[in-house]
């Protein structure tokens, strides 16, 4: 195939978004609008993309970094003017360029690929993607001659009554022969209601010079929906989310209620895993086979092993092994590594800690900045006191240790292999191997103290 490159228009302010941020860096399924577009182009084998930036260009650059080249449109003077800013990347090149919009995240790689092939196969100077809309208000109309050939595109504000009745609309996505595009850009003017340089006007110029203008009408109009406000962002998000969920279900994942599950793009999930309602699986996560996620769980940037269950819990930037049970109501904070056959129970919080295989932390426990060995039991209410008011300190618990209920482990401290810590203890020194540590006052019973002090509790009438 001939050389193909992409130019993505992403300079607009997007006032209707009512946002301090660039419109194109708003996210759907964990990926920005402009990334959806760039990735769609990349999936077609397009290796060179130029992004035309303007409003909050710093955010767009930070998003895409060095994956693309950049052209700057200081003043937004129309789509034609935007493409003019990318001319330096087009000059001297043979081949074709696809012009994409940074706010159309629903465009698919299949549609881009079909358009490029149609364009090249029919030797067009320009090809536009179109669709029939029930309500074409606000969109440019495709004007054809009696033989169905494209004559021109008329912007909505410049259209006459007859042209406004046309239902076939311009997507704003085009494929050009690079030489034809560069020649036509030099002849653009801004003699229109908006006083802007319309890229659509290049089609008439190309036709007048004897080149052919083609059109690829797509069957699914949703692909070319642009995002102008939060309502449209939500609608596009629903479409993309359904695509993502369908892909996982076809790959062998059971999603009990797709309407209540959110999975970001790029998440990997093994077959026979079940996702329960109310679950969120976010960017960077990898879920193994035969796992159970949910209900009402959130997994962010984490790796979850095979046959592991996450129930009503939050896991962020952590790793969980195989055949492990997390929750309900557990919280794994960044940097946690949980082993195989582990139980992290209700209201347990783990922060930046390693938990060994076969260990049980069943309820109401906090573990921070710790290394916990294999086959350890931490009783209810255990607290690793890792912060002294100035520094975070480390606690180490050896294999086969047993820590009783309501124990405070004052970091830095070590509990050696096979050691026991009695319930209610506050441990400040090392507990040797095979030892029992008791750090609490001896119980004293004062007989008749309640009577002498007049402290009897009587039931109120």
Protein backbone atom coordinates (compact mmCIF):
# COMPACT_ATOMS: atom_id res chain seq x y z
CA UNK A 1 0.00 0.00 0.00
CA UNK A 2 1.12 3.55 -0.70
CA UNK A 3 2.44 5.76 2.08
CA UNK A 4 -0.38 6.76 4.47
CA UNK A 5 -0.19 9.26 7.31
CA UNK A 6 -2.78 10.84 9.59
CA UNK A 7 -3.51 14.39 10.70
CA UNK A 8 -5.73 14.65 13.78
CA UNK A 9 -7.46 17.97 14.51
CA UNK A 10 -7.40 18.62 18.26
CA UNK A 11 -6.99 22.39 18.69
CA UNK A 12 -10.55 23.41 19.56
CA UNK A 13 -11.52 24.92 22.87
CA UNK A 14 -14.74 22.93 23.29
CA UNK A 15 -16.62 25.61 25.25
CA UNK A 16 -19.76 23.50 25.53
CA UNK A 17 -17.88 20.96 27.65
CA UNK A 18 -17.82 23.59 30.41
CA UNK A 19 -14.34 22.46 31.40
CA UNK A 20 -10.95 23.95 32.26
CA UNK A 21 -9.38 21.12 30.30
CA UNK A 22 -8.92 20.40 26.62
CA UNK A 23 -11.99 18.66 25.23
CA UNK A 24 -9.99 15.86 23.66
CA UNK A 25 -8.34 14.75 26.91
CA UNK A 26 -11.65 13.82 28.54
CA UNK A 27 -11.77 10.05 29.01
CA UNK A 28 -13.98 7.16 27.97
CA UNK A 29 -13.18 3.71 29.41
CA UNK A 30 -9.87 4.95 30.75
CA UNK A 31 -8.61 6.43 27.48
CA UNK A 32 -8.77 10.03 26.25
CA UNK A 33 -10.86 10.94 23.22
CA UNK A 34 -7.79 11.78 21.15
CA UNK A 35 -6.12 8.48 22.10
CA UNK A 36 -9.13 6.56 20.79
CA UNK A 37 -8.70 8.32 17.46
CA UNK A 38 -4.91 7.92 17.27
CA UNK A 39 -5.15 4.24 18.23
CA UNK A 40 -7.82 3.61 15.59
CA UNK A 41 -5.46 5.04 12.98
CA UNK A 42 -2.54 3.05 14.35
CA UNK A 43 -4.52 -0.18 14.13
CA UNK A 44 -4.72 0.36 10.35
CA UNK A 45 -0.97 0.37 10.10
CA UNK A 46 -0.62 4.16 10.02
CA UNK A 47 2.71 4.84 11.70
CA UNK A 48 2.96 8.61 11.26
CA UNK A 49 0.39 10.85 12.93
CA UNK A 50 0.42 14.62 13.32
CA UNK A 51 -1.78 16.24 15.98
CA UNK A 52 -2.89 19.81 15.42
CA UNK A 53 -3.04 21.35 18.91
CA UNK A 54 -4.14 24.69 20.26
CA UNK A 55 -6.25 25.15 23.41
CA UNK A 56 -4.51 23.54 26.40
CA UNK A 57 -1.99 21.94 24.08
CA UNK A 58 0.14 21.11 27.10
CA UNK A 59 -2.46 18.57 28.18
CA UNK A 60 -2.64 16.96 24.76
CA UNK A 61 1.16 16.74 24.53
CA UNK A 62 1.33 15.24 28.02
CA UNK A 63 -1.27 12.67 26.98
CA UNK A 64 0.30 11.52 23.70
CA UNK A 65 3.93 12.43 24.41
CA UNK A 66 6.30 11.36 21.62
CA UNK A 67 3.91 8.91 19.98
CA UNK A 68 3.02 11.63 17.45
CA UNK A 69 4.27 14.86 15.91
CA UNK A 70 2.65 18.22 16.69
CA UNK A 71 1.50 21.25 14.74
CA UNK A 72 0.19 24.33 16.54
CA UNK A 73 -2.91 26.32 15.58
CA UNK A 74 -2.60 29.50 17.63
CA UNK A 75 -5.96 30.91 16.50
CA UNK A 76 -8.91 28.68 15.64
CA UNK A 77 -9.81 29.93 12.16
CA UNK A 78 -11.49 26.81 10.82
CA UNK A 79 -10.68 23.24 9.84
CA UNK A 80 -8.88 24.29 6.66
CA UNK A 81 -6.69 26.63 8.66
CA UNK A 82 -5.96 23.80 11.13
CA UNK A 83 -4.72 21.49 8.37
CA UNK A 84 -2.58 24.34 6.98
CA UNK A 85 -0.59 24.23 10.22
CA UNK A 86 0.46 20.67 9.40
CA UNK A 87 1.68 21.47 5.88
CA UNK A 88 5.36 21.18 6.84
CA UNK A 89 4.79 17.49 7.60
CA UNK A 90 3.05 16.93 4.24
CA UNK A 91 5.33 18.80 1.86
CA UNK A 92 7.55 16.68 -0.33
CA UNK A 93 5.73 13.44 0.46
CA UNK A 94 4.09 11.03 -1.97
CA UNK A 95 0.95 9.23 -0.88
CA UNK A 96 -2.19 9.96 1.07
CA UNK A 97 -3.28 11.51 4.33
CA UNK A 98 -6.35 10.76 6.42
CA UNK A 99 -7.76 13.77 8.29
CA UNK A 100 -9.38 12.76 11.58
CA UNK A 101 -11.12 14.67 14.35
CA UNK A 102 -9.78 14.37 17.88
CA UNK A 103 -13.30 14.46 19.33
CA UNK A 104 -14.72 11.46 17.38
CA UNK A 105 -13.65 8.51 19.55
CA UNK A 106 -16.17 6.10 18.04
CA UNK A 107 -14.48 5.90 14.66
CA UNK A 108 -13.22 2.36 14.07
CA UNK A 109 -10.08 1.11 12.43
CA UNK A 110 -12.23 -0.91 10.03
CA UNK A 111 -13.93 2.24 8.73
CA UNK A 112 -10.62 4.07 8.36
CA UNK A 113 -9.12 1.09 6.53
CA UNK A 114 -12.10 0.74 4.17
CA UNK A 115 -12.00 4.47 3.41
CA UNK A 116 -8.30 4.42 2.57
CA UNK A 117 -8.73 1.37 0.32
CA UNK A 118 -11.72 2.94 -1.45
CA UNK A 119 -9.82 6.19 -1.89
CA UNK A 120 -6.76 4.53 -3.40
CA UNK A 121 -8.68 1.95 -5.40
CA UNK A 122 -10.84 4.62 -7.05
CA UNK A 123 -7.89 6.98 -7.58
CA UNK A 124 -9.65 9.84 -5.81
CA UNK A 125 -8.12 13.20 -5.07
CA UNK A 126 -10.26 13.29 -1.94
CA UNK A 127 -12.70 10.95 -0.20
CA UNK A 128 -15.12 11.91 2.58
CA UNK A 129 -16.84 9.64 5.09
CA UNK A 130 -20.58 10.31 5.23
CA UNK A 131 -23.71 9.00 6.96
CA UNK A 132 -27.45 9.56 6.84
CA UNK A 133 -28.81 11.33 9.92
CA UNK A 134 -32.48 11.61 10.83
CA UNK A 135 -31.75 15.09 12.14
CA UNK A 136 -28.76 16.56 10.27
CA UNK A 137 -28.97 19.95 12.01
CA UNK A 138 -25.54 21.39 12.69
CA UNK A 139 -23.73 19.17 10.21
CA UNK A 140 -22.37 19.99 6.78
CA UNK A 141 -24.47 18.49 3.95
CA UNK A 142 -23.15 16.33 1.10
CA UNK A 143 -24.34 17.82 -2.21
CA UNK A 144 -24.33 15.34 -5.10
CA UNK A 145 -25.11 15.66 -8.78
CA UNK A 146 -27.81 13.66 -10.62
CA UNK A 147 -25.39 10.77 -11.05
CA UNK A 148 -24.61 10.60 -7.34
CA UNK A 149 -21.16 12.13 -7.60
CA UNK A 150 -20.04 14.47 -4.81
CA UNK A 151 -20.16 18.12 -5.92
CA UNK A 152 -19.44 19.89 -2.66
CA UNK A 153 -20.06 20.06 1.09
CA UNK A 154 -22.14 22.93 2.44
CA UNK A 155 -21.81 23.92 6.09
CA UNK A 156 -25.10 24.06 8.01
CA UNK A 157 -24.92 27.83 8.57
CA UNK A 158 -24.25 28.46 4.88
CA UNK A 159 -26.85 26.02 3.50
CA UNK A 160 -29.99 27.18 1.71
CA UNK A 161 -33.42 25.67 2.38
CA UNK A 162 -33.02 22.91 -0.20
CA UNK A 163 -29.59 21.98 1.06
CA UNK A 164 -30.78 21.89 4.68
CA UNK A 165 -33.21 19.11 3.70
CA UNK A 166 -30.32 16.82 2.73
CA UNK A 167 -29.89 14.04 5.30
CA UNK A 168 -26.47 12.85 4.19
CA UNK A 169 -23.93 14.62 6.36
CA UNK A 170 -20.20 15.23 6.42
CA UNK A 171 -18.35 13.35 9.15
CA UNK A 172 -15.39 15.74 9.05
CA UNK A 173 -13.16 12.77 8.24
CA UNK A 174 -11.40 12.76 4.86
CA UNK A 175 -8.72 10.98 2.93
CA UNK A 176 -6.67 13.11 0.51
CA UNK A 177 -3.99 12.61 -2.04
CA UNK A 178 -1.26 14.67 -0.37
CA UNK A 179 -0.38 16.64 -3.50
CA UNK A 180 -4.06 17.47 -4.20
CA UNK A 181 -4.56 18.59 -0.61
CA UNK A 182 -1.51 20.88 -0.58
CA UNK A 183 -2.54 22.48 -3.89
CA UNK A 184 -6.12 23.09 -2.74
CA UNK A 185 -5.09 24.52 0.64
CA UNK A 186 -3.26 27.32 -1.15
CA UNK A 187 -6.53 28.40 -2.79
CA UNK A 188 -8.76 28.41 0.30
CA UNK A 189 -10.47 31.63 1.38
CA UNK A 190 -12.73 32.61 4.27
CA UNK A 191 -15.62 34.15 2.33
CA UNK A 192 -18.39 32.62 4.43
CA UNK A 193 -20.71 33.39 7.34
CA UNK A 194 -18.15 32.24 9.93
CA UNK A 195 -15.18 33.97 8.31
CA UNK A 196 -13.24 30.70 8.57
CA UNK A 197 -11.19 28.56 6.23
CA UNK A 198 -13.28 25.44 5.64
CA UNK A 199 -11.53 22.21 4.77
CA UNK A 200 -14.72 21.22 2.96
CA UNK A 201 -14.03 23.88 0.32
CA UNK A 202 -10.97 21.94 -0.81
CA UNK A 203 -13.27 19.36 -2.37
CA UNK A 204 -14.70 21.85 -4.85
CA UNK A 205 -11.19 23.02 -5.70
CA UNK A 206 -10.05 19.45 -6.27
CA UNK A 207 -13.06 18.76 -8.50
CA UNK A 208 -12.41 21.89 -10.57
CA UNK A 209 -8.85 20.72 -11.17
CA UNK A 210 -10.19 17.51 -12.66
CA UNK A 211 -9.58 15.10 -9.80
CA UNK A 212 -12.24 12.79 -8.44
CA UNK A 213 -13.98 13.22 -5.07
CA UNK A 214 -15.40 10.06 -3.55
CA UNK A 215 -17.63 9.33 -0.58
CA UNK A 216 -17.84 6.33 1.74
CA UNK A 217 -21.22 6.17 3.44
CA UNK A 218 -21.11 4.15 6.64
CA UNK A 219 -24.04 2.10 7.93
CA UNK A 220 -23.52 2.96 11.60
CA UNK A 221 -23.83 6.75 12.04
CA UNK A 222 -22.69 6.52 15.67
CA UNK A 223 -19.09 6.07 14.48
CA UNK A 224 -18.85 9.69 13.42
CA UNK A 225 -20.56 11.29 16.40
CA UNK A 226 -18.50 14.19 17.70
CA UNK A 227 -18.24 15.09 21.38
CA UNK A 228 -19.27 18.65 22.13
CA UNK A 229 -20.71 18.43 25.65
CA UNK A 230 -20.97 16.13 28.63
CA UNK A 231 -24.21 14.58 27.41
CA UNK A 232 -22.58 13.48 24.16
CA UNK A 233 -19.56 12.28 26.13
CA UNK A 234 -21.85 10.05 28.17
CA UNK A 235 -23.61 8.66 25.10
CA UNK A 236 -20.33 7.89 23.36
CA UNK A 237 -19.06 6.32 26.56
CA UNK A 238 -22.01 3.94 26.65
CA UNK A 239 -21.33 2.81 23.08
CA UNK A 240 -17.62 2.23 23.67
CA UNK A 241 -18.26 0.50 27.00
CA UNK A 242 -20.63 -1.92 25.29
CA UNK A 243 -17.99 -2.65 22.65
CA UNK A 244 -15.45 -3.42 25.37
CA UNK A 245 -17.84 -5.63 27.34
CA UNK A 246 -18.92 -7.52 24.24
CA UNK A 247 -15.29 -8.22 23.36
CA UNK A 248 -14.69 -9.77 26.80
CA UNK A 249 -17.89 -11.81 26.73
CA UNK A 250 -17.02 -13.22 23.31
CA UNK A 251 -13.62 -14.16 24.75
CA UNK A 252 -15.21 -16.32 27.46
CA UNK A 253 -15.88 -13.90 30.33
CA UNK A 254 -19.27 -13.96 32.06
CA UNK A 255 -20.62 -10.49 32.83
CA UNK A 256 -23.84 -10.99 34.76
CA UNK A 257 -25.26 -7.49 34.23
CA UNK A 258 -23.41 -5.52 31.52
CA UNK A 259 -25.41 -2.38 32.30
CA UNK A 260 -23.80 -2.12 35.74
CA UNK A 261 -20.21 -3.13 34.92
CA UNK A 262 -17.43 -0.78 33.75
CA UNK A 263 -14.24 -2.13 32.20
CA UNK A 264 -11.54 0.14 30.78
CA UNK A 265 -9.96 -0.38 27.40
CA UNK A 266 -6.88 -2.59 27.49
CA UNK A 267 -7.90 -4.63 30.54
CA UNK A 268 -7.12 -8.35 30.15
CA UNK A 269 -9.47 -10.98 31.62
CA UNK A 270 -9.07 -14.76 31.47
CA UNK A 271 -11.77 -17.18 30.38
CA UNK A 272 -14.42 -18.44 32.78
CA UNK A 273 -14.01 -15.41 35.02
CA UNK A 274 -17.29 -14.01 36.33
CA UNK A 275 -17.86 -10.28 36.78
CA UNK A 276 -20.69 -9.43 39.16
CA UNK A 277 -22.82 -6.25 39.06
CA UNK A 278 -21.41 -2.95 40.27
CA UNK A 279 -17.80 -3.77 39.44
CA UNK A 280 -15.18 -1.41 37.96
CA UNK A 281 -12.01 -2.79 36.38
CA UNK A 282 -9.72 0.04 35.38
CA UNK A 283 -6.70 0.71 33.20
CA UNK A 284 -3.73 -1.62 33.52
CA UNK A 285 -5.55 -4.46 35.26
CA UNK A 286 -5.04 -8.12 34.40
CA UNK A 287 -7.51 -10.69 35.72
CA UNK A 288 -6.74 -14.41 35.58
CA UNK A 289 -8.97 -17.34 34.67
CA UNK A 290 -11.92 -18.57 36.76
CA UNK A 291 -11.75 -15.52 38.99
CA UNK A 292 -14.77 -13.84 40.57
CA UNK A 293 -14.89 -10.05 40.65
CA UNK A 294 -17.62 -8.38 42.66
CA UNK A 295 -20.22 -7.54 43.37
CA UNK A 296 -19.39 -3.87 43.93
CA UNK A 297 -15.62 -4.14 43.57
CA UNK A 298 -13.03 -1.82 42.07
CA UNK A 299 -9.76 -3.05 40.60
CA UNK A 300 -7.27 -0.42 39.40
CA UNK A 301 -3.97 -1.22 37.67
CA UNK A 302 -3.71 -4.54 39.49
CA UNK A 303 -2.96 -8.17 38.68
CA UNK A 304 -5.43 -10.74 40.00
CA UNK A 305 -4.58 -14.45 39.87
CA UNK A 306 -6.57 -17.50 38.80
CA UNK A 307 -9.51 -18.76 40.88
CA UNK A 308 -9.31 -15.66 43.08
CA UNK A 309 -12.37 -13.87 44.44
CA UNK A 310 -12.66 -10.12 45.03
CA UNK A 311 -15.84 -9.38 46.94
CA UNK A 312 -17.03 -5.82 47.69
CA UNK A 313 -13.45 -4.56 47.85
CA UNK A 314 -11.03 -2.00 46.39
CA UNK A 315 -7.64 -3.01 44.98
CA UNK A 316 -5.25 -0.36 43.62
CA UNK A 317 -1.87 -0.96 41.95
CA UNK A 318 -1.36 -4.28 43.68
CA UNK A 319 -0.85 -7.95 42.89
CA UNK A 320 -3.00 -10.81 44.19
CA UNK A 321 -2.07 -14.47 43.76
CA UNK A 322 -4.06 -17.57 42.87
CA UNK A 323 -6.92 -19.08 44.84
CA UNK A 324 -7.01 -16.09 47.17
CA UNK A 325 -10.08 -14.50 48.74
CA UNK A 326 -10.31 -10.74 49.21
CA UNK A 327 -13.16 -9.14 51.14
CA UNK A 328 -15.82 -8.26 51.70
CA UNK A 329 -14.93 -4.63 52.38
CA UNK A 330 -11.17 -5.00 52.10
CA UNK A 331 -8.84 -2.28 50.80
CA UNK A 332 -5.53 -3.07 49.14
CA UNK A 333 -3.55 0.13 48.67
CA UNK A 334 -0.74 0.67 46.13
CA UNK A 335 2.31 -1.54 46.39
CA UNK A 336 0.65 -4.52 48.06
CA UNK A 337 1.57 -8.06 47.02
CA UNK A 338 -0.72 -10.82 48.21
CA UNK A 339 0.30 -14.46 47.82
CA UNK A 340 -1.56 -17.66 46.92
CA UNK A 341 -4.28 -19.25 49.07
CA UNK A 342 -4.52 -16.12 51.20
CA UNK A 343 -7.56 -14.77 53.05
CA UNK A 344 -7.86 -10.98 53.35
CA UNK A 345 -11.18 -10.52 55.08
CA UNK A 346 -13.71 -7.87 55.96
CA UNK A 347 -12.49 -4.40 56.91
CA UNK A 348 -8.83 -5.28 56.40
CA UNK A 349 -6.55 -2.62 54.94
CA UNK A 350 -3.17 -3.47 53.43
CA UNK A 351 -0.72 -0.79 52.33
CA UNK A 352 2.58 -1.39 50.51
CA UNK A 353 3.04 -4.78 52.13
CA UNK A 354 3.86 -8.36 51.16
CA UNK A 355 1.58 -11.12 52.42
CA UNK A 356 2.92 -14.68 52.05
CA UNK A 357 1.12 -17.79 50.84
CA UNK A 358 -1.54 -19.48 53.01
CA UNK A 359 -1.73 -16.51 55.39
CA UNK A 360 -5.04 -15.50 57.00
CA UNK A 361 -5.95 -11.91 57.84
CA UNK A 362 -9.63 -12.38 58.45
CA UNK A 363 -10.98 -9.10 59.79
CA UNK A 364 -10.55 -5.61 61.20
CA UNK A 365 -6.79 -5.36 60.68
CA UNK A 366 -4.36 -2.77 59.30
CA UNK A 367 -1.06 -3.85 57.72
CA UNK A 368 1.26 -1.10 56.47
CA UNK A 369 4.88 -1.27 55.24
CA UNK A 370 5.20 -4.87 56.36
CA UNK A 371 6.48 -8.26 55.22
CA UNK A 372 4.26 -11.07 56.42
CA UNK A 373 5.47 -14.64 55.87
CA UNK A 374 3.72 -17.85 54.83
CA UNK A 375 1.01 -19.56 56.88
CA UNK A 376 0.67 -16.64 59.29
CA UNK A 377 -2.52 -15.91 61.23
CA UNK A 378 -3.29 -12.31 62.19
CA UNK A 379 -6.19 -12.05 64.61
CA UNK A 380 -9.02 -9.56 64.68
CA UNK A 381 -7.96 -5.98 65.36
CA UNK A 382 -4.24 -6.33 64.73
CA UNK A 383 -2.60 -3.01 63.85
CA UNK A 384 0.83 -2.57 62.33
CA UNK A 385 1.82 0.82 63.75
CA UNK A 386 4.07 1.86 60.89
CA UNK A 387 4.15 5.65 61.36
CA UNK A 388 5.91 7.35 64.27
CA UNK A 389 4.80 10.85 63.32
CA UNK A 390 7.84 11.47 61.17
CA UNK A 391 8.88 8.28 59.35
CA UNK A 392 7.26 5.11 58.00
CA UNK A 393 8.89 2.04 59.52
CA UNK A 394 8.86 -1.63 58.63
CA UNK A 395 7.49 -4.67 60.41
CA UNK A 396 8.56 -8.23 59.57
CA UNK A 397 6.50 -11.26 60.58
CA UNK A 398 8.06 -14.68 59.96
CA UNK A 399 6.53 -17.89 58.65
CA UNK A 400 3.97 -19.78 60.75
CA UNK A 401 3.65 -16.93 63.26
CA UNK A 402 0.44 -16.33 65.18
CA UNK A 403 -0.57 -12.83 66.23
CA UNK A 404 -3.54 -12.66 68.58
CA UNK A 405 -6.46 -10.24 68.57
CA UNK A 406 -6.01 -6.54 69.33
CA UNK A 407 -2.23 -6.57 69.05
CA UNK A 408 -0.24 -3.44 68.21
CA UNK A 409 3.05 -4.08 66.41
CA UNK A 410 5.10 -0.90 66.87
CA UNK A 411 7.37 -0.58 63.82
CA UNK A 412 10.21 -1.21 63.28
CA UNK A 413 9.84 -4.62 64.85
CA UNK A 414 10.28 -8.30 63.93
CA UNK A 415 8.24 -11.33 64.92
CA UNK A 416 10.34 -14.39 64.10
CA UNK A 417 9.23 -17.71 62.57
CA UNK A 418 6.82 -19.83 64.62
CA UNK A 419 6.44 -17.12 67.29
CA UNK A 420 3.19 -16.34 69.09
CA UNK A 421 1.95 -12.95 70.29
CA UNK A 422 -0.70 -12.96 72.98
CA UNK A 423 -3.93 -11.07 72.43
CA UNK A 424 -4.00 -7.47 73.61
CA UNK A 425 -0.23 -7.04 73.50
CA UNK A 426 1.72 -3.99 72.35
CA UNK A 427 4.96 -5.28 70.85
CA UNK A 428 7.95 -2.96 70.70
CA UNK A 429 10.82 -5.47 70.69
CA UNK A 430 11.75 -8.51 68.61
CA UNK A 431 9.86 -11.72 69.37
CA UNK A 432 12.31 -14.66 69.08
CA UNK A 433 11.56 -17.84 67.13
CA UNK A 434 9.22 -20.30 68.89
CA UNK A 435 8.57 -17.76 71.67
CA UNK A 436 5.35 -16.41 73.17
CA UNK A 437 5.29 -12.65 73.67
CA UNK A 438 2.97 -11.15 76.27
CA UNK A 439 3.01 -7.37 76.60
CA UNK A 440 0.12 -6.38 78.81
CA UNK A 441 -0.56 -5.70 82.50
CA UNK A 442 -1.54 -8.64 84.71
CA UNK A 443 -5.27 -8.71 85.44
CA UNK A 444 -6.32 -7.52 88.90
CA UNK A 445 -9.86 -8.13 90.26
CA UNK A 446 -11.08 -5.77 93.06
CA UNK A 447 -13.97 -7.48 94.81
CA UNK A 448 -17.13 -5.42 95.57
CA UNK A 449 -15.60 -2.33 93.92
CA UNK A 450 -18.86 -1.61 92.08
CA UNK A 451 -20.92 -1.67 95.27
CA UNK A 452 -18.43 0.39 97.27
CA UNK A 453 -18.30 3.05 94.57
CA UNK A 454 -22.03 3.07 94.00
CA UNK A 455 -21.57 2.25 90.36
CA UNK A 456 -24.39 -0.30 89.99
CA UNK A 457 -26.24 -0.10 86.68
CA UNK A 458 -29.98 -0.43 87.16
CA UNK A 459 -32.55 -0.65 84.41
CA UNK A 460 -34.46 2.58 83.99
CA UNK A 461 -38.23 2.30 84.34
